[in-house]
Amino acid sequence: MEAPILSLFWSMMMFFLFVIWIWVLISIFADIFRNKDMNGGVKAIWILFVVFLPWLGVLVYIIANGGEMNERSMQAAAANERAARDYIKDAAGSGGSADELAKLADLRDKGVLTGDEFAAQKAKLLA
């Protein structure tokens, strides 16, 4: 006599294990390509090892490179965050009206702008 709940439980367990397996494979492939210490030949050997002997290849890769995987992942995340911050700063413009006013005052002090031009630019900036 088969219990449908038990069958459902095992089906769900196998599905989640499959999803986890795919996640591990993607993480390992990403780490292989992210690793700058390996040359192309070593990367190709690791990929062949993981593809043709999946369980053994994954376990050996994690044992050999497990500690460095996290470091490379953290470095990649930090680089992505820096790139995003730089993009946001570029898209938002310079420091704002205070920086622009300081630049205008500097130009006025150097004689590049007259007092009237400075006042007009300041009013335009603050409006």
C-alpha atoms as a PDB file:
ATOM      1  CA  MET A   1       0.000   0.000   0.000  1.00  0.00           C
ATOM      2  CA  GLU A   2       1.486   3.296  -1.109  1.00  0.00           C
ATOM      3  CA  ALA A   3       1.045   6.509   0.842  1.00  0.00           C
ATOM      4  CA  PRO A   4       0.390   9.446  -1.506  1.00  0.00           C
ATOM      5  CA  ILE A   5       1.778  11.928   1.021  1.00  0.00           C
ATOM      6  CA  LEU A   6       5.043  10.007   1.257  1.00  0.00           C
ATOM      7  CA  SER A   7       5.259   9.854  -2.529  1.00  0.00           C
ATOM      8  CA  LEU A   8       4.658  13.599  -2.735  1.00  0.00           C
ATOM      9  CA  PHE A   9       7.298  14.223  -0.066  1.00  0.00           C
ATOM     10  CA  TRP A  10       9.919  12.192  -1.946  1.00  0.00           C
ATOM     11  CA  SER A  11       9.026  13.872  -5.236  1.00  0.00           C
ATOM     12  CA  MET A  12       9.452  17.299  -3.657  1.00  0.00           C
ATOM     13  CA  MET A  13      12.699  16.216  -1.999  1.00  0.00           C
ATOM     14  CA  MET A  14      14.113  15.021  -5.315  1.00  0.00           C
ATOM     15  CA  PHE A  15      13.031  18.243  -7.028  1.00  0.00           C
ATOM     16  CA  PHE A  16      14.743  20.403  -4.385  1.00  0.00           C
ATOM     17  CA  LEU A  17      17.886  18.273  -4.541  1.00  0.00           C
ATOM     18  CA  PHE A  18      17.907  18.711  -8.317  1.00  0.00           C
ATOM     19  CA  VAL A  19      17.563  22.490  -7.959  1.00  0.00           C
ATOM     20  CA  ILE A  20      20.385  22.554  -5.411  1.00  0.00           C
ATOM     21  CA  TRP A  21      22.555  20.440  -7.739  1.00  0.00           C
ATOM     22  CA  ILE A  22      21.985  22.864 -10.617  1.00  0.00           C
ATOM     23  CA  TRP A  23      22.810  25.781  -8.307  1.00  0.00           C
ATOM     24  CA  VAL A  24      26.064  24.127  -7.224  1.00  0.00           C
ATOM     25  CA  LEU A  25      27.035  23.455 -10.843  1.00  0.00           C
ATOM     26  CA  ILE A  26      26.336  27.047 -11.869  1.00  0.00           C
ATOM     27  CA  SER A  27      28.339  28.322  -8.885  1.00  0.00           C
ATOM     28  CA  ILE A  28      31.286  26.106  -9.750  1.00  0.00           C
ATOM     29  CA  PHE A  29      31.252  27.023 -13.439  1.00  0.00           C
ATOM     30  CA  ALA A  30      31.055  30.718 -12.514  1.00  0.00           C
ATOM     31  CA  ASP A  31      33.974  30.286 -10.140  1.00  0.00           C
ATOM     32  CA  ILE A  32      36.028  28.446 -12.751  1.00  0.00           C
ATOM     33  CA  PHE A  33      35.567  31.306 -15.216  1.00  0.00           C
ATOM     34  CA  ARG A  34      36.074  33.952 -12.506  1.00  0.00           C
ATOM     35  CA  ASN A  35      39.357  32.432 -11.302  1.00  0.00           C
ATOM     36  CA  LYS A  36      42.234  34.503 -12.660  1.00  0.00           C
ATOM     37  CA  ASP A  37      44.866  32.175 -11.222  1.00  0.00           C
ATOM     38  CA  MET A  38      43.987  29.416 -13.700  1.00  0.00           C
ATOM     39  CA  ASN A  39      44.970  29.533 -17.347  1.00  0.00           C
ATOM     40  CA  GLY A  40      42.647  28.386 -20.129  1.00  0.00           C
ATOM     41  CA  GLY A  41      43.926  24.814 -20.200  1.00  0.00           C
ATOM     42  CA  VAL A  42      43.381  24.268 -16.491  1.00  0.00           C
ATOM     43  CA  LYS A  43      39.896  25.755 -16.755  1.00  0.00           C
ATOM     44  CA  ALA A  44      39.093  23.403 -19.638  1.00  0.00           C
ATOM     45  CA  ILE A  45      40.303  20.398 -17.640  1.00  0.00           C
ATOM     46  CA  TRP A  46      38.166  21.385 -14.642  1.00  0.00           C
ATOM     47  CA  ILE A  47      35.114  21.847 -16.876  1.00  0.00           C
ATOM     48  CA  LEU A  48      35.627  18.449 -18.513  1.00  0.00           C
ATOM     49  CA  PHE A  49      36.128  16.882 -15.087  1.00  0.00           C
ATOM     50  CA  VAL A  50      32.917  18.416 -13.730  1.00  0.00           C
ATOM     51  CA  VAL A  51      30.913  17.571 -16.859  1.00  0.00           C
ATOM     52  CA  PHE A  52      32.022  13.958 -17.345  1.00  0.00           C
ATOM     53  CA  LEU A  53      32.425  12.954 -13.674  1.00  0.00           C
ATOM     54  CA  PRO A  54      29.916  15.315 -12.057  1.00  0.00           C
ATOM     55  CA  TRP A  55      29.804  14.089  -8.448  1.00  0.00           C
ATOM     56  CA  LEU A  56      33.508  13.447  -8.171  1.00  0.00           C
ATOM     57  CA  GLY A  57      34.417  16.582 -10.124  1.00  0.00           C
ATOM     58  CA  VAL A  58      32.264  18.838  -7.950  1.00  0.00           C
ATOM     59  CA  LEU A  59      33.538  17.329  -4.717  1.00  0.00           C
ATOM     60  CA  VAL A  60      37.184  17.553  -5.783  1.00  0.00           C
ATOM     61  CA  TYR A  61      36.728  21.139  -6.986  1.00  0.00           C
ATOM     62  CA  ILE A  62      35.090  22.190  -3.721  1.00  0.00           C
ATOM     63  CA  ILE A  63      37.830  20.499  -1.696  1.00  0.00           C
ATOM     64  CA  ALA A  64      40.588  22.038  -3.821  1.00  0.00           C
ATOM     65  CA  ASN A  65      39.126  25.530  -4.282  1.00  0.00           C
ATOM     66  CA  GLY A  66      36.333  25.861  -1.713  1.00  0.00           C
ATOM     67  CA  GLY A  67      37.989  28.521   0.427  1.00  0.00           C
ATOM     68  CA  GLU A  68      38.920  30.664  -2.550  1.00  0.00           C
ATOM     69  CA  MET A  69      35.449  30.394  -4.080  1.00  0.00           C
ATOM     70  CA  ASN A  70      33.964  32.604  -1.384  1.00  0.00           C
ATOM     71  CA  GLU A  71      36.760  35.166  -1.699  1.00  0.00           C
ATOM     72  CA  ARG A  72      36.279  35.436  -5.468  1.00  0.00           C
ATOM     73  CA  SER A  73      32.532  35.701  -5.019  1.00  0.00           C
ATOM     74  CA  MET A  74      32.940  38.504  -2.478  1.00  0.00           C
ATOM     75  CA  GLN A  75      35.417  40.331  -4.744  1.00  0.00           C
ATOM     76  CA  ALA A  76      33.008  40.075  -7.675  1.00  0.00           C
ATOM     77  CA  ALA A  77      30.139  41.385  -5.543  1.00  0.00           C
ATOM     78  CA  ALA A  78      32.273  44.301  -4.316  1.00  0.00           C
ATOM     79  CA  ALA A  79      33.324  45.131  -7.881  1.00  0.00           C
ATOM     80  CA  ASN A  80      29.687  45.073  -9.010  1.00  0.00           C
ATOM     81  CA  GLU A  81      28.712  47.344  -6.131  1.00  0.00           C
ATOM     82  CA  ARG A  82      31.512  49.806  -6.946  1.00  0.00           C
ATOM     83  CA  ALA A  83      30.459  49.838 -10.593  1.00  0.00           C
ATOM     84  CA  ALA A  84      26.836  50.459  -9.613  1.00  0.00           C
ATOM     85  CA  ARG A  85      27.811  53.301  -7.266  1.00  0.00           C
ATOM     86  CA  ASP A  86      30.014  54.896  -9.929  1.00  0.00           C
ATOM     87  CA  TYR A  87      27.202  54.641 -12.460  1.00  0.00           C
ATOM     88  CA  ILE A  88      24.722  56.208 -10.029  1.00  0.00           C
ATOM     89  CA  LYS A  89      27.148  59.041  -9.255  1.00  0.00           C
ATOM     90  CA  ASP A  90      27.690  59.691 -12.964  1.00  0.00           C
ATOM     91  CA  ALA A  91      23.958  59.569 -13.693  1.00  0.00           C
ATOM     92  CA  ALA A  92      23.133  61.863 -10.767  1.00  0.00           C
ATOM     93  CA  GLY A  93      25.657  64.472 -11.837  1.00  0.00           C
ATOM     94  CA  SER A  94      28.306  66.098  -9.726  1.00  0.00           C
ATOM     95  CA  GLY A  95      27.993  66.898  -6.047  1.00  0.00           C
ATOM     96  CA  GLY A  96      24.966  69.178  -6.338  1.00  0.00           C
ATOM     97  CA  SER A  97      24.291  72.891  -6.052  1.00  0.00           C
ATOM     98  CA  ALA A  98      26.856  73.517  -3.297  1.00  0.00           C
ATOM     99  CA  ASP A  99      29.675  72.257  -5.520  1.00  0.00           C
ATOM    100  CA  GLU A 100      28.394  74.281  -8.460  1.00  0.00           C
ATOM    101  CA  LEU A 101      28.207  77.416  -6.327  1.00  0.00           C
ATOM    102  CA  ALA A 102      31.778  76.876  -5.162  1.00  0.00           C
ATOM    103  CA  LYS A 103      32.905  76.519  -8.781  1.00  0.00           C
ATOM    104  CA  LEU A 104      31.048  79.665  -9.783  1.00  0.00           C
ATOM    105  CA  ALA A 105      32.551  81.594  -6.849  1.00  0.00           C
ATOM    106  CA  ASP A 106      35.999  80.398  -7.845  1.00  0.00           C
ATOM    107  CA  LEU A 107      35.433  81.550 -11.429  1.00  0.00           C
ATOM    108  CA  ARG A 108      34.223  84.932 -10.138  1.00  0.00           C
ATOM    109  CA  ASP A 109      37.265  85.264  -7.895  1.00  0.00           C
ATOM    110  CA  LYS A 110      39.570  84.481 -10.829  1.00  0.00           C
ATOM    111  CA  GLY A 111      37.878  87.145 -12.897  1.00  0.00           C
ATOM    112  CA  VAL A 112      36.392  84.786 -15.458  1.00  0.00           C
ATOM    113  CA  LEU A 113      32.836  85.753 -14.435  1.00  0.00           C
ATOM    114  CA  THR A 114      31.608  89.228 -13.622  1.00  0.00           C
ATOM    115  CA  GLY A 115      29.479  89.891 -10.569  1.00  0.00           C
ATOM    116  CA  ASP A 116      26.333  90.109 -12.688  1.00  0.00           C
ATOM    117  CA  GLU A 117      27.097  86.834 -14.475  1.00  0.00           C
ATOM    118  CA  PHE A 118      27.778  85.181 -11.135  1.00  0.00           C
ATOM    119  CA  ALA A 119      24.471  86.449  -9.708  1.00  0.00           C
ATOM    120  CA  ALA A 120      22.562  85.262 -12.792  1.00  0.00           C
ATOM    121  CA  GLN A 121      24.150  81.805 -12.672  1.00  0.00           C
ATOM    122  CA  LYS A 122      23.572  81.576  -8.909  1.00  0.00           C
ATOM    123  CA  ALA A 123      19.889  82.480  -9.292  1.00  0.00           C
ATOM    124  CA  LYS A 124      19.545  79.930 -12.109  1.00  0.00           C
ATOM    125  CA  LEU A 125      21.249  77.258 -10.000  1.00  0.00           C
ATOM    126  CA  LEU A 126      19.160  77.885  -6.899  1.00  0.00           C
ATOM    127  CA  ALA A 127      15.857  78.108  -8.782  1.00  0.00           C
END
